[in-house]
Amino acid sequence: MTQPDVVKNLRMVEQWQWLSPEESRVLQDERLRKLIQYAYAHVPYYREILPAAGVISKSSRVDVGKLSNIPLLNKAIIRARFDDLTTDELEQRKWFVNTSGGSTGEPIKLIQDREYDSWNRAIKLLHNLWTGYAPGSGEARLWGSRQDLLIGRETTWTYVSRWLKNEIWLNAFAMTPEEMRAYIRQINALKPGQILAFAESIYDLARLIEREGLFIHKPRSIISSAGTLYPHMRETIERVFQAPLFDRYGSRELGSIAFECNWHCGFHVSSPTHYIEVLREDGMPAPANEVGEIVVTVLTNYAMPLIRYRVGDMGMWADSQCGCGRGWPLLKEITGRVTDRFLKRDGTMIWGTFFTTLFWGQDWAEKVQVVQEDYEHIRVIVVRSANCAGEDVKRGLSFVSEKIYSTMGRDCQVDFEFVDEIAQTPSGKFRFAISKLLERGAEGMGHAIIN
């Protein structure tokens, strides 16, 4: 059952979405000031850093114009200062422990409260309304978070709750052909109004359906999340399921942040609940159409405020408002993880999307992951299609190798590794491109990014 405070919050965001951009900024600034004032009064970490940043005066007056002076928050700081980042009023708040997804192998523990949870649920319900989903019409979730799936820990109430909600949960960790055929039978039996899925998982399912000529129920909408959705993936998913796809951006530590509407012009940031910055390498704001690092301030979690948190994603602002009329800020793209960029020895950054696009239309490659092991060493891991011809593989390898050499340099070592399966991250997501240099903290950023 939906909690009363969730319904109340949903009614508020339904109205707020139609505020003008100026009115939305005013509302967001008010909520940001409230959070900062609370953090200064009740959270030791912020009591220490906010005055030094000039954001708050001795009289507790907040200057949001100086927000950029606040040092960026990251996982290392949260681990080291966990107690200092927690409110001294925790006993008075209804709270719970959550963890980040750990897509880079570094999950962290967080404290979140009921206020955060109710706003997050309301925002998700709002997005469902944007997709045309009717509550009770059924939902199939092709999901990969072990925390959500409760693998091995399901209770009777788990099954009763899903039955009452007319939901089925399908494990995105188990995506063998046999498992996927079973998922198709379950979807066809439920006939859900909506499918919520990991981007890569629903793409894999769509490809199997098309390849084997299987029947699949047509839902009213599909929501993809937890991974970068590339254009070729969207086209395949919508063609196979004959339903519009809506992309959603969020994380376990930050909740639901931004969403597509039916205009599909970008991601509307939920400005009443999240303040977003897109930053250049030097920490300055990135202009529209320029890729930068996404930094998030959560405006609803008072148990452990996250102010200017480095979520580890890259994206860019749109240069105009969406035609739908909503006044919330618009992200044009979420382009991937910070460590999805490859680094040349001279400091040139190459966006990982470049490498994944090399395999678009390459039918001999079922699934691909490109890993930068070192400056001059690229490892390409490939799951080969079962029905591929040897000549197609030979031509494909030659094409991909030449493109990598022309971009990374002739001295670059390119190794191809054929495997039966490519492992997902601990959170169940799939990463197309990984730079182990950036994961190790390699320096040298600052030159052009090649897309």
Protein backbone atom coordinates (compact mmCIF):
# COMPACT_ATOMS: atom_id res chain seq x y z
CA MET A 1 0.00 0.00 0.00
CA THR A 2 1.17 3.52 -0.78
CA GLN A 3 1.96 5.52 2.35
CA PRO A 4 0.01 8.75 2.95
CA ASP A 5 3.16 10.91 2.87
CA VAL A 6 4.09 9.39 -0.51
CA VAL A 7 0.70 10.33 -1.92
CA LYS A 8 1.05 13.84 -0.50
CA ASN A 9 4.48 14.24 -2.03
CA LEU A 10 3.27 12.89 -5.36
CA ARG A 11 0.53 15.52 -5.47
CA MET A 12 3.13 18.22 -4.79
CA VAL A 13 5.58 17.12 -7.50
CA GLU A 14 2.71 16.75 -9.96
CA GLN A 15 2.15 20.49 -9.51
CA TRP A 16 5.81 21.47 -9.26
CA GLN A 17 6.74 19.83 -12.56
CA TRP A 18 4.81 22.57 -14.40
CA LEU A 19 6.56 25.48 -12.67
CA SER A 20 8.59 27.71 -14.96
CA PRO A 21 12.39 27.27 -14.94
CA GLU A 22 12.69 30.42 -12.81
CA GLU A 23 10.04 29.25 -10.33
CA SER A 24 11.69 25.81 -10.18
CA ARG A 25 15.04 27.40 -9.32
CA VAL A 26 13.48 29.46 -6.54
CA LEU A 27 11.85 26.36 -5.03
CA GLN A 28 15.08 24.39 -5.35
CA ASP A 29 17.12 27.16 -3.70
CA GLU A 30 14.69 27.23 -0.78
CA ARG A 31 15.03 23.50 -0.25
CA LEU A 32 18.81 23.70 -0.67
CA ARG A 33 19.06 26.44 1.98
CA LYS A 34 16.95 24.38 4.36
CA LEU A 35 19.20 21.33 3.91
CA ILE A 36 22.40 23.34 4.39
CA GLN A 37 21.08 25.05 7.52
CA TYR A 38 20.14 21.67 8.97
CA ALA A 39 23.49 20.10 8.02
CA TYR A 40 25.35 22.98 9.70
CA ALA A 41 23.29 22.67 12.87
CA HIS A 42 23.24 18.88 13.23
CA VAL A 43 25.99 17.20 11.16
CA PRO A 44 29.58 17.51 12.48
CA TYR A 45 31.25 17.18 9.08
CA TYR A 46 29.29 20.08 7.61
CA ARG A 47 29.60 22.16 10.78
CA GLU A 48 33.32 21.99 10.05
CA ILE A 49 33.43 22.69 6.29
CA LEU A 50 30.45 24.96 5.55
CA PRO A 51 31.76 28.09 7.32
CA ALA A 52 35.18 27.59 5.75
CA ALA A 53 33.48 27.50 2.33
CA GLY A 54 31.69 30.77 3.04
CA VAL A 55 28.33 29.11 2.42
CA ILE A 56 26.95 29.83 5.87
CA SER A 57 27.56 32.75 8.19
CA LYS A 58 27.78 32.86 11.98
CA SER A 59 24.12 33.85 11.99
CA SER A 60 23.32 30.68 9.98
CA ARG A 61 22.49 32.66 6.87
CA VAL A 62 23.04 30.54 3.73
CA ASP A 63 24.57 31.84 0.51
CA VAL A 64 23.75 29.19 -2.13
CA GLY A 65 25.77 31.18 -4.65
CA LYS A 66 28.91 29.90 -2.89
CA LEU A 67 27.90 26.24 -3.04
CA SER A 68 30.79 25.52 -5.42
CA ASN A 69 33.21 26.36 -2.58
CA ILE A 70 32.13 23.24 -0.69
CA PRO A 71 34.67 20.41 -1.21
CA LEU A 72 33.33 17.53 -3.30
CA LEU A 73 32.16 14.50 -1.34
CA ASN A 74 33.26 11.01 -2.39
CA LYS A 75 33.12 7.42 -1.17
CA ALA A 76 36.49 7.64 0.55
CA ILE A 77 35.32 10.58 2.67
CA ILE A 78 32.07 8.81 3.54
CA ARG A 79 33.99 5.76 4.73
CA ALA A 80 36.47 7.83 6.73
CA ARG A 81 33.94 10.28 8.23
CA PHE A 82 30.82 8.10 8.41
CA ASP A 83 29.84 9.07 11.96
CA ASP A 84 30.61 12.75 11.34
CA LEU A 85 28.31 12.72 8.28
CA THR A 86 25.38 11.40 10.30
CA THR A 87 22.91 13.74 12.00
CA ASP A 88 23.03 14.07 15.78
CA GLU A 89 19.23 13.72 15.71
CA LEU A 90 19.29 10.20 14.27
CA GLU A 91 17.30 8.76 17.18
CA GLN A 92 14.47 11.15 16.35
CA ARG A 93 14.29 10.15 12.67
CA LYS A 94 12.97 6.95 11.11
CA TRP A 95 16.00 5.68 9.24
CA PHE A 96 17.48 2.63 7.54
CA VAL A 97 20.84 1.51 6.18
CA ASN A 98 21.39 1.30 2.42
CA THR A 99 24.43 0.61 0.30
CA SER A 100 25.62 1.92 -3.03
CA GLY A 101 25.44 -0.41 -6.01
CA GLY A 102 29.17 -1.06 -6.12
CA SER A 103 29.43 -1.04 -9.92
CA THR A 104 33.14 -0.23 -9.58
CA GLY A 105 33.63 -2.74 -6.78
CA GLU A 106 33.52 -0.08 -4.05
CA PRO A 107 30.11 -0.19 -2.34
CA ILE A 108 29.58 2.09 0.63
CA LYS A 109 27.14 2.05 3.53
CA LEU A 110 24.72 4.96 3.87
CA ILE A 111 21.96 6.04 6.22
CA GLN A 112 18.71 7.24 4.69
CA ASP A 113 15.50 8.36 6.36
CA ARG A 114 11.78 8.03 5.80
CA GLU A 115 11.53 11.54 4.35
CA TYR A 116 14.04 10.64 1.66
CA ASP A 117 12.26 7.34 0.97
CA SER A 118 8.81 8.90 0.64
CA TRP A 119 10.07 11.57 -1.79
CA ASN A 120 11.92 8.94 -3.81
CA ARG A 121 8.81 6.78 -4.07
CA ALA A 122 6.75 9.81 -5.10
CA ILE A 123 9.20 10.74 -7.86
CA LYS A 124 9.15 7.18 -9.22
CA LEU A 125 5.35 7.23 -9.24
CA LEU A 126 5.43 10.53 -11.12
CA HIS A 127 7.69 9.05 -13.75
CA ASN A 128 5.38 6.05 -14.07
CA LEU A 129 2.58 8.50 -14.85
CA TRP A 130 4.76 10.04 -17.58
CA THR A 131 5.12 6.62 -19.19
CA GLY A 132 1.36 6.01 -19.21
CA TYR A 133 1.58 3.18 -16.69
CA ALA A 134 -1.66 2.49 -14.84
CA PRO A 135 -1.17 1.24 -11.25
CA GLY A 136 -2.29 -2.37 -10.97
CA SER A 137 -1.84 -3.11 -14.67
CA GLY A 138 1.16 -5.27 -13.85
CA GLU A 139 4.89 -4.81 -13.92
CA ALA A 140 7.72 -7.15 -14.85
CA ARG A 141 11.07 -6.22 -13.31
CA LEU A 142 14.17 -7.54 -15.02
CA TRP A 143 16.49 -6.40 -12.29
CA GLY A 144 19.96 -7.19 -11.05
CA SER A 145 20.34 -5.71 -7.60
CA ARG A 146 20.77 -8.50 -5.07
CA GLN A 147 19.54 -6.13 -2.35
CA ASP A 148 16.23 -5.65 -4.21
CA LEU A 149 15.84 -9.18 -5.54
CA LEU A 150 16.31 -10.70 -2.06
CA ILE A 151 17.84 -13.76 -3.69
CA GLY A 152 17.64 -16.57 -1.16
CA ARG A 153 15.99 -14.30 1.42
CA GLU A 154 12.44 -14.09 0.09
CA THR A 155 9.75 -14.27 2.77
CA THR A 156 6.09 -15.10 2.47
CA TRP A 157 5.37 -11.38 2.61
CA THR A 158 7.75 -10.83 -0.32
CA TYR A 159 5.61 -13.07 -2.52
CA VAL A 160 2.32 -11.72 -1.15
CA SER A 161 3.43 -8.12 -1.73
CA ARG A 162 4.43 -8.83 -5.32
CA TRP A 163 1.14 -10.65 -5.92
CA LEU A 164 -0.84 -7.72 -4.55
CA LYS A 165 1.10 -5.33 -6.78
CA ASN A 166 0.72 -7.68 -9.77
CA GLU A 167 4.50 -7.84 -10.17
CA ILE A 168 7.02 -10.43 -11.23
CA TRP A 169 10.74 -10.11 -10.52
CA LEU A 170 13.16 -11.63 -13.01
CA ASN A 171 16.82 -12.05 -12.13
CA ALA A 172 19.09 -10.09 -14.47
CA PHE A 173 22.05 -11.99 -13.00
CA ALA A 174 20.73 -15.14 -14.70
CA MET A 175 20.57 -14.37 -18.41
CA THR A 176 21.31 -17.68 -20.08
CA PRO A 177 19.17 -18.47 -23.16
CA GLU A 178 17.18 -21.00 -21.10
CA GLU A 179 16.52 -18.45 -18.34
CA MET A 180 15.54 -15.76 -20.86
CA ARG A 181 13.05 -18.09 -22.55
CA ALA A 182 11.52 -18.72 -19.12
CA TYR A 183 11.29 -14.96 -18.54
CA ILE A 184 9.49 -14.56 -21.86
CA ARG A 185 6.90 -17.17 -20.82
CA GLN A 186 6.39 -15.36 -17.49
CA ILE A 187 5.98 -11.99 -19.18
CA ASN A 188 3.49 -13.42 -21.65
CA ALA A 189 1.51 -15.01 -18.81
CA LEU A 190 1.35 -11.81 -16.71
CA LYS A 191 0.82 -9.42 -19.66
CA PRO A 192 2.29 -6.49 -17.67
CA GLY A 193 1.48 -2.89 -18.49
CA GLN A 194 5.11 -2.00 -17.91
CA ILE A 195 8.55 -3.60 -17.91
CA LEU A 196 11.28 -2.12 -15.71
CA ALA A 197 14.71 -3.42 -16.60
CA PHE A 198 18.44 -2.97 -16.63
CA ALA A 199 19.31 -1.45 -20.00
CA GLU A 200 21.71 -4.18 -21.04
CA SER A 201 19.45 -6.98 -19.77
CA ILE A 202 16.35 -5.90 -21.69
CA TYR A 203 18.52 -5.42 -24.77
CA ASP A 204 19.87 -8.97 -24.46
CA LEU A 205 16.32 -10.27 -24.03
CA ALA A 206 15.11 -8.33 -27.09
CA ARG A 207 17.91 -9.72 -29.22
CA LEU A 208 17.10 -13.30 -28.23
CA ILE A 209 13.39 -12.75 -28.98
CA GLU A 210 14.19 -11.36 -32.41
CA ARG A 211 16.86 -13.93 -33.22
CA GLU A 212 14.58 -16.86 -32.37
CA GLY A 213 11.37 -15.32 -33.68
CA LEU A 214 9.58 -15.65 -30.34
CA PHE A 215 6.28 -14.03 -29.40
CA ILE A 216 6.42 -11.39 -26.66
CA HIS A 217 3.62 -9.47 -24.99
CA LYS A 218 3.47 -5.79 -25.94
CA PRO A 219 3.57 -3.67 -22.76
CA ARG A 220 2.37 -0.10 -22.67
CA SER A 221 5.88 1.12 -21.82
CA ILE A 222 9.38 0.04 -20.88
CA ILE A 223 11.62 1.80 -18.36
CA SER A 224 15.35 1.18 -18.65
CA SER A 225 17.80 2.09 -15.93
CA ALA A 226 21.10 1.11 -14.29
CA GLY A 227 23.34 1.44 -17.30
CA THR A 228 24.02 3.50 -20.39
CA LEU A 229 21.33 3.09 -23.04
CA TYR A 230 22.86 3.50 -26.49
CA PRO A 231 20.77 4.43 -29.57
CA HIS A 232 21.13 1.01 -31.20
CA MET A 233 19.91 -0.62 -27.99
CA ARG A 234 16.84 1.63 -27.81
CA GLU A 235 15.99 0.97 -31.45
CA THR A 236 16.17 -2.81 -30.99
CA ILE A 237 14.18 -2.86 -27.74
CA GLU A 238 11.38 -0.66 -29.08
CA ARG A 239 11.19 -2.62 -32.34
CA VAL A 240 10.95 -6.00 -30.61
CA PHE A 241 8.55 -5.04 -27.82
CA GLN A 242 6.58 -2.54 -29.95
CA ALA A 243 6.47 -0.17 -27.00
CA PRO A 244 8.05 3.21 -26.16
CA LEU A 245 11.12 3.12 -23.94
CA PHE A 246 11.71 5.67 -21.17
CA ASP A 247 15.20 5.94 -19.71
CA ARG A 248 15.64 6.66 -15.98
CA TYR A 249 18.76 7.90 -14.19
CA GLY A 250 19.46 7.23 -10.54
CA SER A 251 21.50 5.26 -8.04
CA ARG A 252 21.00 3.42 -4.77
CA GLU A 253 22.72 6.12 -2.75
CA LEU A 254 20.92 9.03 -4.43
CA GLY A 255 17.55 7.61 -5.49
CA SER A 256 15.75 8.51 -8.71
CA ILE A 257 17.36 11.63 -10.13
CA ALA A 258 16.19 12.31 -13.69
CA PHE A 259 13.82 10.85 -16.29
CA GLU A 260 12.73 10.96 -19.90
CA CYS A 261 9.24 12.16 -20.76
CA ASN A 262 7.34 11.18 -23.92
CA TRP A 263 9.24 13.84 -25.91
CA HIS A 264 12.49 11.92 -25.33
CA CYS A 265 14.60 15.10 -25.49
CA GLY A 266 16.73 14.26 -22.47
CA PHE A 267 16.44 13.67 -18.74
CA HIS A 268 14.29 15.97 -16.60
CA VAL A 269 16.12 16.45 -13.29
CA SER A 270 13.81 16.23 -10.29
CA SER A 271 14.84 19.64 -9.01
CA PRO A 272 12.71 19.56 -5.82
CA THR A 273 14.67 16.50 -4.67
CA HIS A 274 18.10 16.82 -6.35
CA TYR A 275 20.50 19.63 -7.18
CA ILE A 276 22.76 18.68 -10.08
CA GLU A 277 26.06 20.13 -11.23
CA VAL A 278 28.00 19.11 -14.35
CA LEU A 279 31.65 19.99 -13.87
CA ARG A 280 34.73 20.24 -16.06
CA GLU A 281 38.02 18.69 -15.00
CA ASP A 282 39.00 22.00 -13.34
CA GLY A 283 35.82 22.04 -11.25
CA MET A 284 34.15 24.80 -13.23
CA PRO A 285 30.59 24.32 -14.53
CA ALA A 286 30.43 22.71 -17.95
CA PRO A 287 28.29 24.58 -20.50
CA ALA A 288 25.47 22.91 -22.41
CA ASN A 289 26.54 20.18 -24.86
CA GLU A 290 29.89 19.64 -23.09
CA VAL A 291 30.51 16.38 -21.24
CA GLY A 292 31.40 16.79 -17.58
CA GLU A 293 31.29 14.95 -14.28
CA ILE A 294 27.89 14.80 -12.60
CA VAL A 295 27.85 15.97 -8.97
CA VAL A 296 24.67 15.53 -6.93
CA THR A 297 23.21 17.10 -3.81
CA VAL A 298 20.26 15.17 -2.37
CA LEU A 299 17.72 17.63 -0.95
CA THR A 300 15.59 15.15 1.00
CA ASN A 301 17.89 12.99 3.16
CA TYR A 302 18.51 14.66 6.51
CA ALA A 303 19.78 11.53 8.28
CA MET A 304 23.02 11.63 6.28
CA PRO A 305 23.09 14.67 3.96
CA LEU A 306 25.03 14.15 0.73
CA ILE A 307 26.12 17.59 -0.51
CA ARG A 308 28.11 17.78 -3.76
CA TYR A 309 28.55 14.01 -4.02
CA ARG A 310 30.65 12.55 -6.85
CA VAL A 311 28.40 9.76 -8.11
CA GLY A 312 30.98 8.73 -10.72
CA ASP A 313 28.91 9.44 -13.84
CA MET A 314 29.44 11.74 -16.80
CA GLY A 315 26.79 13.71 -18.68
CA MET A 316 25.91 17.00 -20.31
CA TRP A 317 23.25 19.69 -20.06
CA ALA A 318 20.82 20.30 -22.90
CA ASP A 319 20.94 23.72 -24.55
CA SER A 320 17.16 24.22 -24.49
CA GLN A 321 14.04 23.27 -22.58
CA CYS A 322 11.97 20.22 -23.49
CA GLY A 323 8.87 20.82 -25.61
CA CYS A 324 6.68 19.13 -23.00
CA GLY A 325 6.58 22.36 -20.99
CA ARG A 326 8.06 21.07 -17.75
CA GLY A 327 10.38 23.61 -16.14
CA TRP A 328 12.84 21.23 -14.52
CA PRO A 329 16.50 21.29 -15.71
CA LEU A 330 17.23 19.02 -18.66
CA LEU A 331 20.25 16.74 -19.02
CA LYS A 332 20.82 15.98 -22.68
CA GLU A 333 22.70 12.73 -22.03
CA ILE A 334 24.10 10.48 -19.34
CA THR A 335 27.20 9.35 -21.18
CA GLY A 336 28.62 6.75 -18.79
CA ARG A 337 30.94 6.27 -15.86
CA VAL A 338 33.92 8.49 -15.11
CA THR A 339 36.12 5.42 -15.59
CA ASP A 340 34.54 4.76 -19.01
CA ARG A 341 37.04 7.23 -20.51
CA PHE A 342 40.33 6.05 -21.91
CA LEU A 343 43.54 7.99 -21.33
CA LYS A 344 46.46 8.45 -23.70
CA ARG A 345 49.94 9.11 -22.37
CA ASP A 346 49.85 12.72 -23.63
CA GLY A 347 46.75 13.41 -21.50
CA THR A 348 44.16 13.11 -24.28
CA MET A 349 40.89 11.66 -23.01
CA ILE A 350 38.89 9.39 -25.32
CA TRP A 351 35.30 8.68 -24.41
CA GLY A 352 34.59 4.97 -24.08
CA THR A 353 31.54 5.23 -26.31
CA PHE A 354 33.93 5.46 -29.26
CA PHE A 355 35.05 1.87 -28.68
CA THR A 356 31.58 0.44 -28.19
CA THR A 357 30.30 2.06 -31.40
CA LEU A 358 32.92 0.07 -33.32
CA PHE A 359 30.81 -3.02 -32.70
CA TRP A 360 27.42 -1.61 -33.65
CA GLY A 361 26.16 -3.67 -36.55
CA GLN A 362 28.88 -6.31 -36.07
CA ASP A 363 26.64 -9.38 -35.94
CA TRP A 364 29.53 -11.71 -35.17
CA ALA A 365 29.99 -10.09 -31.74
CA GLU A 366 27.19 -11.03 -29.35
CA LYS A 367 28.56 -8.97 -26.43
CA VAL A 368 31.69 -6.88 -26.04
CA GLN A 369 33.69 -5.23 -23.28
CA VAL A 370 36.71 -3.03 -24.01
CA VAL A 371 39.28 -2.63 -21.21
CA GLN A 372 42.21 -0.24 -21.10
CA GLU A 373 44.87 -2.12 -19.16
CA ASP A 374 47.57 0.52 -19.66
CA TYR A 375 48.31 3.53 -21.87
CA GLU A 376 49.28 1.34 -24.83
CA HIS A 377 47.33 -1.81 -24.05
CA ILE A 378 43.69 -2.39 -24.98
CA ARG A 379 42.01 -5.71 -24.26
CA VAL A 380 38.80 -6.50 -26.16
CA ILE A 381 36.65 -9.24 -24.61
CA VAL A 382 34.12 -10.75 -27.02
CA VAL A 383 31.28 -13.23 -26.77
CA ARG A 384 31.07 -14.50 -30.34
CA SER A 385 27.68 -15.10 -31.97
CA ALA A 386 26.86 -18.76 -32.44
CA ASN A 387 26.00 -18.43 -36.13
CA CYS A 388 28.87 -16.17 -37.21
CA ALA A 389 31.05 -16.99 -40.20
CA GLY A 390 34.81 -17.09 -39.83
CA GLU A 391 35.28 -14.56 -42.61
CA ASP A 392 32.95 -12.10 -40.87
CA VAL A 393 35.00 -12.40 -37.68
CA LYS A 394 38.25 -11.87 -39.56
CA ARG A 395 36.95 -8.73 -41.28
CA GLY A 396 35.48 -7.44 -38.02
CA LEU A 397 38.70 -7.92 -36.07
CA SER A 398 40.66 -6.13 -38.77
CA PHE A 399 38.21 -3.20 -38.80
CA VAL A 400 38.17 -2.82 -35.00
CA SER A 401 41.94 -3.14 -34.69
CA GLU A 402 42.56 -0.47 -37.32
CA LYS A 403 40.15 1.97 -35.64
CA ILE A 404 41.81 1.44 -32.25
CA TYR A 405 45.31 1.90 -33.73
CA SER A 406 44.25 5.10 -35.49
CA THR A 407 42.91 6.49 -32.22
CA MET A 408 45.29 5.15 -29.56
CA GLY A 409 48.45 5.06 -31.68
CA ARG A 410 50.33 2.42 -33.68
CA ASP A 411 52.30 1.42 -30.58
CA CYS A 412 49.12 0.30 -28.85
CA GLN A 413 48.82 -3.41 -28.16
CA VAL A 414 45.33 -4.71 -28.97
CA ASP A 415 44.41 -8.14 -27.63
CA PHE A 416 41.16 -9.95 -28.44
CA GLU A 417 39.86 -12.47 -25.95
CA PHE A 418 36.93 -14.73 -26.86
CA VAL A 419 34.87 -15.96 -23.93
CA ASP A 420 31.55 -17.69 -23.31
CA GLU A 421 30.32 -15.02 -20.89
CA ILE A 422 31.31 -11.57 -19.64
CA ALA A 423 30.75 -11.01 -15.94
CA GLN A 424 28.47 -8.28 -14.68
CA THR A 425 29.49 -5.90 -11.93
CA PRO A 426 28.49 -6.79 -8.32
CA SER A 427 25.41 -4.57 -8.76
CA GLY A 428 24.29 -6.51 -11.83
CA LYS A 429 25.12 -3.76 -14.32
CA PHE A 430 27.17 -4.30 -17.44
CA ARG A 431 30.06 -1.99 -18.32
CA PHE A 432 30.96 -1.72 -21.99
CA ALA A 433 34.20 0.20 -21.46
CA ILE A 434 36.54 0.19 -18.46
CA SER A 435 39.75 2.15 -17.97
CA LYS A 436 41.88 0.48 -15.34
CA LEU A 437 44.17 3.51 -15.56
CA LEU A 438 41.44 5.80 -14.26
CA GLU A 439 40.35 3.23 -11.71
CA ARG A 440 43.93 3.35 -10.43
CA GLY A 441 43.79 7.15 -10.39
CA ALA A 442 46.07 7.89 -13.34
CA GLU A 443 46.80 11.57 -13.92
CA GLY A 444 47.09 13.49 -17.13
CA MET A 445 43.55 14.70 -17.82
CA GLY A 446 42.84 17.96 -19.55
CA HIS A 447 43.06 17.59 -23.32
CA ALA A 448 40.32 17.03 -25.85
CA ILE A 449 37.76 14.31 -25.36
CA ILE A 450 37.11 12.29 -28.50
CA ASN A 451 33.53 11.03 -28.72
